[in-house]
Amino acid sequence: MRSDATRNATAVVDAARAVFADEGVDAPAKQITDAAGVGVGTLYRHFPRRSDLIVAVLQHEVDECIALAETLADAADPWDAVVAFVDRFTRFVGTKQGLAEALHSGDAAYEGLPDLLLGQLTPAFAELLARAVDSGAARSDVEAREVLTGVAMLQHGVPGAPAPLAPTLTRVFVDGLRTSTAIPVSR
């Protein structure tokens, strides 16, 4: 791809991230192209369907989370690394209005995507969680995928529940991973 085409595609994805966070995944294409500083034709040349753009935004977010995990792998405090990753993952999941609905809409374009993305994120987070477990800071009876799934579920809550509840419940959930508060999980 030519450098200007790559630059335009990146601008569209970056703009879509911001617009989706503010307006939801059904925001008008014109709003995205205006924010990106490109024409509507450029949007559709790179992303012929809305689902293509949503997938690109999701993959970009996942890539950023994985890069953060790689950076945090060298953190002095393994527990702080777990918390920092969960905070970033929370922003990824929690700020994309309508994303969960789109992913679970039955649209063939999204088939298998939640598992694919979680499959990419889980190994990155598992390393951080394992370091926290090895240091004695985190409990050993919970899997990384369970934590990520639980955090994602908390971000979408229950219809009618106050929105500010998600950050509080996420902190409570993550604090429950600490060994100092651990009550064994019965399976």
C-alpha atoms as a PDB file:
ATOM      1  CA  MET A   1       0.000   0.000   0.000  1.00  0.00           C
ATOM      2  CA  ARG A   2       1.294   3.490  -0.832  1.00  0.00           C
ATOM      3  CA  SER A   3       2.366   5.657   2.095  1.00  0.00           C
ATOM      4  CA  ASP A   4      -0.472   8.162   1.555  1.00  0.00           C
ATOM      5  CA  ALA A   5      -2.995   5.323   1.413  1.00  0.00           C
ATOM      6  CA  THR A   6      -1.582   3.861   4.628  1.00  0.00           C
ATOM      7  CA  ARG A   7      -1.706   7.290   6.248  1.00  0.00           C
ATOM      8  CA  ASN A   8      -5.349   7.754   5.166  1.00  0.00           C
ATOM      9  CA  ALA A   9      -6.371   4.310   6.434  1.00  0.00           C
ATOM     10  CA  THR A  10      -4.689   5.033   9.771  1.00  0.00           C
ATOM     11  CA  ALA A  11      -6.424   8.422   9.974  1.00  0.00           C
ATOM     12  CA  VAL A  12      -9.796   6.770   9.347  1.00  0.00           C
ATOM     13  CA  VAL A  13      -9.209   4.127  12.042  1.00  0.00           C
ATOM     14  CA  ASP A  14      -8.038   6.753  14.555  1.00  0.00           C
ATOM     15  CA  ALA A  15     -11.034   8.964  13.791  1.00  0.00           C
ATOM     16  CA  ALA A  16     -13.425   6.013  14.002  1.00  0.00           C
ATOM     17  CA  ARG A  17     -12.022   5.094  17.426  1.00  0.00           C
ATOM     18  CA  ALA A  18     -12.813   8.574  18.732  1.00  0.00           C
ATOM     19  CA  VAL A  19     -16.207   8.825  17.036  1.00  0.00           C
ATOM     20  CA  PHE A  20     -17.252   5.340  18.152  1.00  0.00           C
ATOM     21  CA  ALA A  21     -16.284   6.215  21.728  1.00  0.00           C
ATOM     22  CA  ASP A  22     -18.412   9.376  21.647  1.00  0.00           C
ATOM     23  CA  GLU A  23     -21.292   8.441  19.368  1.00  0.00           C
ATOM     24  CA  GLY A  24     -21.335   4.660  19.116  1.00  0.00           C
ATOM     25  CA  VAL A  25     -20.552   2.308  16.255  1.00  0.00           C
ATOM     26  CA  ASP A  26     -23.572   3.495  14.262  1.00  0.00           C
ATOM     27  CA  ALA A  27     -22.220   7.054  13.923  1.00  0.00           C
ATOM     28  CA  PRO A  28     -22.564   8.481  10.401  1.00  0.00           C
ATOM     29  CA  ALA A  29     -19.697   7.781   8.001  1.00  0.00           C
ATOM     30  CA  LYS A  30     -19.503  11.516   7.237  1.00  0.00           C
ATOM     31  CA  GLN A  31     -18.710  12.225  10.879  1.00  0.00           C
ATOM     32  CA  ILE A  32     -15.802   9.770  10.727  1.00  0.00           C
ATOM     33  CA  THR A  33     -14.443  11.117   7.444  1.00  0.00           C
ATOM     34  CA  ASP A  34     -14.700  14.712   8.667  1.00  0.00           C
ATOM     35  CA  ALA A  35     -12.750  13.789  11.796  1.00  0.00           C
ATOM     36  CA  ALA A  36     -10.158  11.952   9.668  1.00  0.00           C
ATOM     37  CA  GLY A  37      -9.842  14.766   7.141  1.00  0.00           C
ATOM     38  CA  VAL A  38     -10.577  12.447   4.211  1.00  0.00           C
ATOM     39  CA  GLY A  39     -13.428  11.977   1.773  1.00  0.00           C
ATOM     40  CA  VAL A  40     -16.159   9.377   2.037  1.00  0.00           C
ATOM     41  CA  GLY A  41     -14.650   7.581  -0.972  1.00  0.00           C
ATOM     42  CA  THR A  42     -11.424   7.069   0.963  1.00  0.00           C
ATOM     43  CA  LEU A  43     -13.354   5.501   3.833  1.00  0.00           C
ATOM     44  CA  TYR A  44     -15.146   3.044   1.567  1.00  0.00           C
ATOM     45  CA  ARG A  45     -12.010   2.266  -0.463  1.00  0.00           C
ATOM     46  CA  HIS A  46     -10.282   1.029   2.691  1.00  0.00           C
ATOM     47  CA  PHE A  47     -13.336  -0.239   4.572  1.00  0.00           C
ATOM     48  CA  PRO A  48     -16.131  -1.223   2.143  1.00  0.00           C
ATOM     49  CA  ARG A  49     -18.463  -2.295   4.965  1.00  0.00           C
ATOM     50  CA  ARG A  50     -18.969  -0.775   8.397  1.00  0.00           C
ATOM     51  CA  SER A  51     -18.029  -4.133   9.872  1.00  0.00           C
ATOM     52  CA  ASP A  52     -14.605  -3.848   8.170  1.00  0.00           C
ATOM     53  CA  LEU A  53     -13.998  -0.549   9.952  1.00  0.00           C
ATOM     54  CA  ILE A  54     -15.238  -1.886  13.283  1.00  0.00           C
ATOM     55  CA  VAL A  55     -12.927  -4.896  12.981  1.00  0.00           C
ATOM     56  CA  ALA A  56      -9.983  -2.592  12.135  1.00  0.00           C
ATOM     57  CA  VAL A  57     -10.719  -0.410  15.170  1.00  0.00           C
ATOM     58  CA  LEU A  58     -10.981  -3.460  17.411  1.00  0.00           C
ATOM     59  CA  GLN A  59      -7.738  -4.929  16.110  1.00  0.00           C
ATOM     60  CA  HIS A  60      -5.957  -1.612  16.647  1.00  0.00           C
ATOM     61  CA  GLU A  61      -7.187  -1.512  20.252  1.00  0.00           C
ATOM     62  CA  VAL A  62      -6.142  -5.124  20.838  1.00  0.00           C
ATOM     63  CA  ASP A  63      -2.703  -4.404  19.375  1.00  0.00           C
ATOM     64  CA  GLU A  64      -2.321  -1.463  21.771  1.00  0.00           C
ATOM     65  CA  CYS A  65      -3.315  -3.619  24.748  1.00  0.00           C
ATOM     66  CA  ILE A  66      -0.799  -6.285  23.721  1.00  0.00           C
ATOM     67  CA  ALA A  67       1.949  -3.670  23.310  1.00  0.00           C
ATOM     68  CA  LEU A  68       1.128  -2.352  26.781  1.00  0.00           C
ATOM     69  CA  ALA A  69       1.353  -5.874  28.215  1.00  0.00           C
ATOM     70  CA  GLU A  70       4.790  -6.262  26.652  1.00  0.00           C
ATOM     71  CA  THR A  71       5.885  -2.989  28.270  1.00  0.00           C
ATOM     72  CA  LEU A  72       4.364  -3.940  31.624  1.00  0.00           C
ATOM     73  CA  ALA A  73       6.101  -7.327  31.610  1.00  0.00           C
ATOM     74  CA  ASP A  74       9.175  -5.551  32.977  1.00  0.00           C
ATOM     75  CA  ALA A  75       7.298  -3.548  35.622  1.00  0.00           C
ATOM     76  CA  ALA A  76       8.857  -3.628  39.077  1.00  0.00           C
ATOM     77  CA  ASP A  77       5.548  -4.436  40.760  1.00  0.00           C
ATOM     78  CA  PRO A  78       3.664  -7.328  39.100  1.00  0.00           C
ATOM     79  CA  TRP A  79       0.375  -6.365  40.783  1.00  0.00           C
ATOM     80  CA  ASP A  80       0.613  -2.812  39.442  1.00  0.00           C
ATOM     81  CA  ALA A  81       1.165  -4.310  35.977  1.00  0.00           C
ATOM     82  CA  VAL A  82      -2.052  -6.348  36.286  1.00  0.00           C
ATOM     83  CA  VAL A  83      -4.006  -3.277  37.397  1.00  0.00           C
ATOM     84  CA  ALA A  84      -2.557  -1.105  34.605  1.00  0.00           C
ATOM     85  CA  PHE A  85      -3.463  -3.692  31.968  1.00  0.00           C
ATOM     86  CA  VAL A  86      -6.991  -4.100  33.323  1.00  0.00           C
ATOM     87  CA  ASP A  87      -7.402  -0.301  33.341  1.00  0.00           C
ATOM     88  CA  ARG A  88      -6.422  -0.133  29.649  1.00  0.00           C
ATOM     89  CA  PHE A  89      -8.593  -3.121  28.765  1.00  0.00           C
ATOM     90  CA  THR A  90     -11.489  -1.469  30.610  1.00  0.00           C
ATOM     91  CA  ARG A  91     -11.130   1.689  28.506  1.00  0.00           C
ATOM     92  CA  PHE A  92     -10.999  -0.435  25.357  1.00  0.00           C
ATOM     93  CA  VAL A  93     -14.158  -2.346  26.192  1.00  0.00           C
ATOM     94  CA  GLY A  94     -16.069   0.334  28.069  1.00  0.00           C
ATOM     95  CA  THR A  95     -15.736   3.244  25.667  1.00  0.00           C
ATOM     96  CA  LYS A  96     -17.023   1.596  22.518  1.00  0.00           C
ATOM     97  CA  GLN A  97     -20.750   2.236  22.643  1.00  0.00           C
ATOM     98  CA  GLY A  98     -22.686  -0.439  20.814  1.00  0.00           C
ATOM     99  CA  LEU A  99     -19.633  -2.573  20.215  1.00  0.00           C
ATOM    100  CA  ALA A 100     -20.778  -5.535  22.282  1.00  0.00           C
ATOM    101  CA  GLU A 101     -24.146  -5.461  20.557  1.00  0.00           C
ATOM    102  CA  ALA A 102     -22.469  -5.389  17.135  1.00  0.00           C
ATOM    103  CA  LEU A 103     -20.136  -8.264  18.004  1.00  0.00           C
ATOM    104  CA  HIS A 104     -22.996 -10.418  19.260  1.00  0.00           C
ATOM    105  CA  SER A 105     -25.531  -9.329  16.616  1.00  0.00           C
ATOM    106  CA  GLY A 106     -25.344 -12.521  14.595  1.00  0.00           C
ATOM    107  CA  ASP A 107     -23.804 -10.622  11.649  1.00  0.00           C
ATOM    108  CA  ALA A 108     -21.568 -13.104   9.827  1.00  0.00           C
ATOM    109  CA  ALA A 109     -18.868 -10.414   9.570  1.00  0.00           C
ATOM    110  CA  TYR A 110     -18.302 -10.710  13.324  1.00  0.00           C
ATOM    111  CA  GLU A 111     -18.582 -14.487  13.630  1.00  0.00           C
ATOM    112  CA  GLY A 112     -15.800 -15.752  15.838  1.00  0.00           C
ATOM    113  CA  LEU A 113     -14.328 -12.275  16.313  1.00  0.00           C
ATOM    114  CA  PRO A 114     -14.887 -12.024  20.093  1.00  0.00           C
ATOM    115  CA  ASP A 115     -13.072 -15.333  20.610  1.00  0.00           C
ATOM    116  CA  LEU A 116     -10.315 -14.329  18.189  1.00  0.00           C
ATOM    117  CA  LEU A 117      -9.679 -11.001  19.930  1.00  0.00           C
ATOM    118  CA  LEU A 118      -9.871 -12.515  23.392  1.00  0.00           C
ATOM    119  CA  GLY A 119      -7.555 -15.241  22.146  1.00  0.00           C
ATOM    120  CA  GLN A 120      -5.003 -12.571  21.231  1.00  0.00           C
ATOM    121  CA  LEU A 121      -5.355 -10.672  24.511  1.00  0.00           C
ATOM    122  CA  THR A 122      -5.396 -13.641  26.875  1.00  0.00           C
ATOM    123  CA  PRO A 123      -1.760 -14.777  26.457  1.00  0.00           C
ATOM    124  CA  ALA A 124      -0.509 -11.213  26.935  1.00  0.00           C
ATOM    125  CA  PHE A 125      -2.515 -10.779  30.124  1.00  0.00           C
ATOM    126  CA  ALA A 126      -1.765 -14.333  31.299  1.00  0.00           C
ATOM    127  CA  GLU A 127       1.937 -13.486  31.498  1.00  0.00           C
ATOM    128  CA  LEU A 128       1.225 -10.455  33.678  1.00  0.00           C
ATOM    129  CA  LEU A 129      -1.148 -12.420  35.883  1.00  0.00           C
ATOM    130  CA  ALA A 130       1.370 -15.275  36.223  1.00  0.00           C
ATOM    131  CA  ARG A 131       4.036 -12.818  37.408  1.00  0.00           C
ATOM    132  CA  ALA A 132       1.600 -11.449  39.993  1.00  0.00           C
ATOM    133  CA  VAL A 133       0.746 -14.992  41.125  1.00  0.00           C
ATOM    134  CA  ASP A 134       4.441 -15.930  41.327  1.00  0.00           C
ATOM    135  CA  SER A 135       5.134 -12.832  43.423  1.00  0.00           C
ATOM    136  CA  GLY A 136       2.350 -13.798  45.831  1.00  0.00           C
ATOM    137  CA  ALA A 137       0.265 -10.728  44.987  1.00  0.00           C
ATOM    138  CA  ALA A 138      -2.508 -12.492  43.044  1.00  0.00           C
ATOM    139  CA  ARG A 139      -4.500 -15.636  43.619  1.00  0.00           C
ATOM    140  CA  SER A 140      -3.701 -18.691  41.536  1.00  0.00           C
ATOM    141  CA  ASP A 141      -7.172 -20.175  41.079  1.00  0.00           C
ATOM    142  CA  VAL A 142      -8.464 -17.793  38.402  1.00  0.00           C
ATOM    143  CA  GLU A 143      -7.524 -17.927  34.718  1.00  0.00           C
ATOM    144  CA  ALA A 144      -6.565 -14.866  32.665  1.00  0.00           C
ATOM    145  CA  ARG A 145      -9.431 -15.436  30.210  1.00  0.00           C
ATOM    146  CA  GLU A 146     -11.922 -15.518  33.105  1.00  0.00           C
ATOM    147  CA  VAL A 147     -10.625 -12.189  34.380  1.00  0.00           C
ATOM    148  CA  LEU A 148     -10.816 -10.517  30.963  1.00  0.00           C
ATOM    149  CA  THR A 149     -14.294 -11.904  30.320  1.00  0.00           C
ATOM    150  CA  GLY A 150     -15.486 -10.757  33.746  1.00  0.00           C
ATOM    151  CA  VAL A 151     -14.074  -7.264  33.297  1.00  0.00           C
ATOM    152  CA  ALA A 152     -15.668  -7.001  29.841  1.00  0.00           C
ATOM    153  CA  MET A 153     -19.040  -8.090  31.220  1.00  0.00           C
ATOM    154  CA  LEU A 154     -18.872  -5.488  33.969  1.00  0.00           C
ATOM    155  CA  GLN A 155     -18.397  -2.691  31.442  1.00  0.00           C
ATOM    156  CA  HIS A 156     -21.759  -3.307  29.814  1.00  0.00           C
ATOM    157  CA  GLY A 157     -23.798  -3.700  32.950  1.00  0.00           C
ATOM    158  CA  VAL A 158     -27.536  -3.920  33.146  1.00  0.00           C
ATOM    159  CA  PRO A 159     -29.943  -1.650  31.270  1.00  0.00           C
ATOM    160  CA  GLY A 160     -31.094   1.119  33.595  1.00  0.00           C
ATOM    161  CA  ALA A 161     -28.190   0.739  36.033  1.00  0.00           C
ATOM    162  CA  PRO A 162     -26.147   3.867  36.656  1.00  0.00           C
ATOM    163  CA  ALA A 163     -23.174   4.096  34.257  1.00  0.00           C
ATOM    164  CA  PRO A 164     -20.632   5.120  36.914  1.00  0.00           C
ATOM    165  CA  LEU A 165     -21.098   1.700  38.520  1.00  0.00           C
ATOM    166  CA  ALA A 166     -18.740  -0.064  36.075  1.00  0.00           C
ATOM    167  CA  PRO A 167     -15.480   1.510  37.336  1.00  0.00           C
ATOM    168  CA  THR A 168     -16.355   0.775  40.953  1.00  0.00           C
ATOM    169  CA  LEU A 169     -17.399  -2.803  40.265  1.00  0.00           C
ATOM    170  CA  THR A 170     -14.294  -3.365  38.144  1.00  0.00           C
ATOM    171  CA  ARG A 171     -12.074  -2.211  41.023  1.00  0.00           C
ATOM    172  CA  VAL A 172     -13.937  -4.537  43.408  1.00  0.00           C
ATOM    173  CA  PHE A 173     -13.603  -7.410  40.926  1.00  0.00           C
ATOM    174  CA  VAL A 174      -9.864  -6.828  40.404  1.00  0.00           C
ATOM    175  CA  ASP A 175      -9.269  -6.381  44.136  1.00  0.00           C
ATOM    176  CA  GLY A 176     -10.791  -9.839  44.518  1.00  0.00           C
ATOM    177  CA  LEU A 177      -7.799 -11.233  42.617  1.00  0.00           C
ATOM    178  CA  ARG A 178      -5.428 -10.182  45.380  1.00  0.00           C
ATOM    179  CA  THR A 179      -4.205 -12.944  47.646  1.00  0.00           C
ATOM    180  CA  SER A 180      -4.928 -10.810  50.695  1.00  0.00           C
ATOM    181  CA  THR A 181      -8.671 -11.004  49.924  1.00  0.00           C
ATOM    182  CA  ALA A 182      -8.844 -14.438  48.307  1.00  0.00           C
ATOM    183  CA  ILE A 183     -11.574 -16.902  49.112  1.00  0.00           C
ATOM    184  CA  PRO A 184     -10.995 -20.075  47.049  1.00  0.00           C
ATOM    185  CA  VAL A 185     -13.169 -20.506  43.977  1.00  0.00           C
ATOM    186  CA  SER A 186     -15.206 -23.701  44.050  1.00  0.00           C
ATOM    187  CA  ARG A 187     -15.652 -25.257  40.624  1.00  0.00           C
END
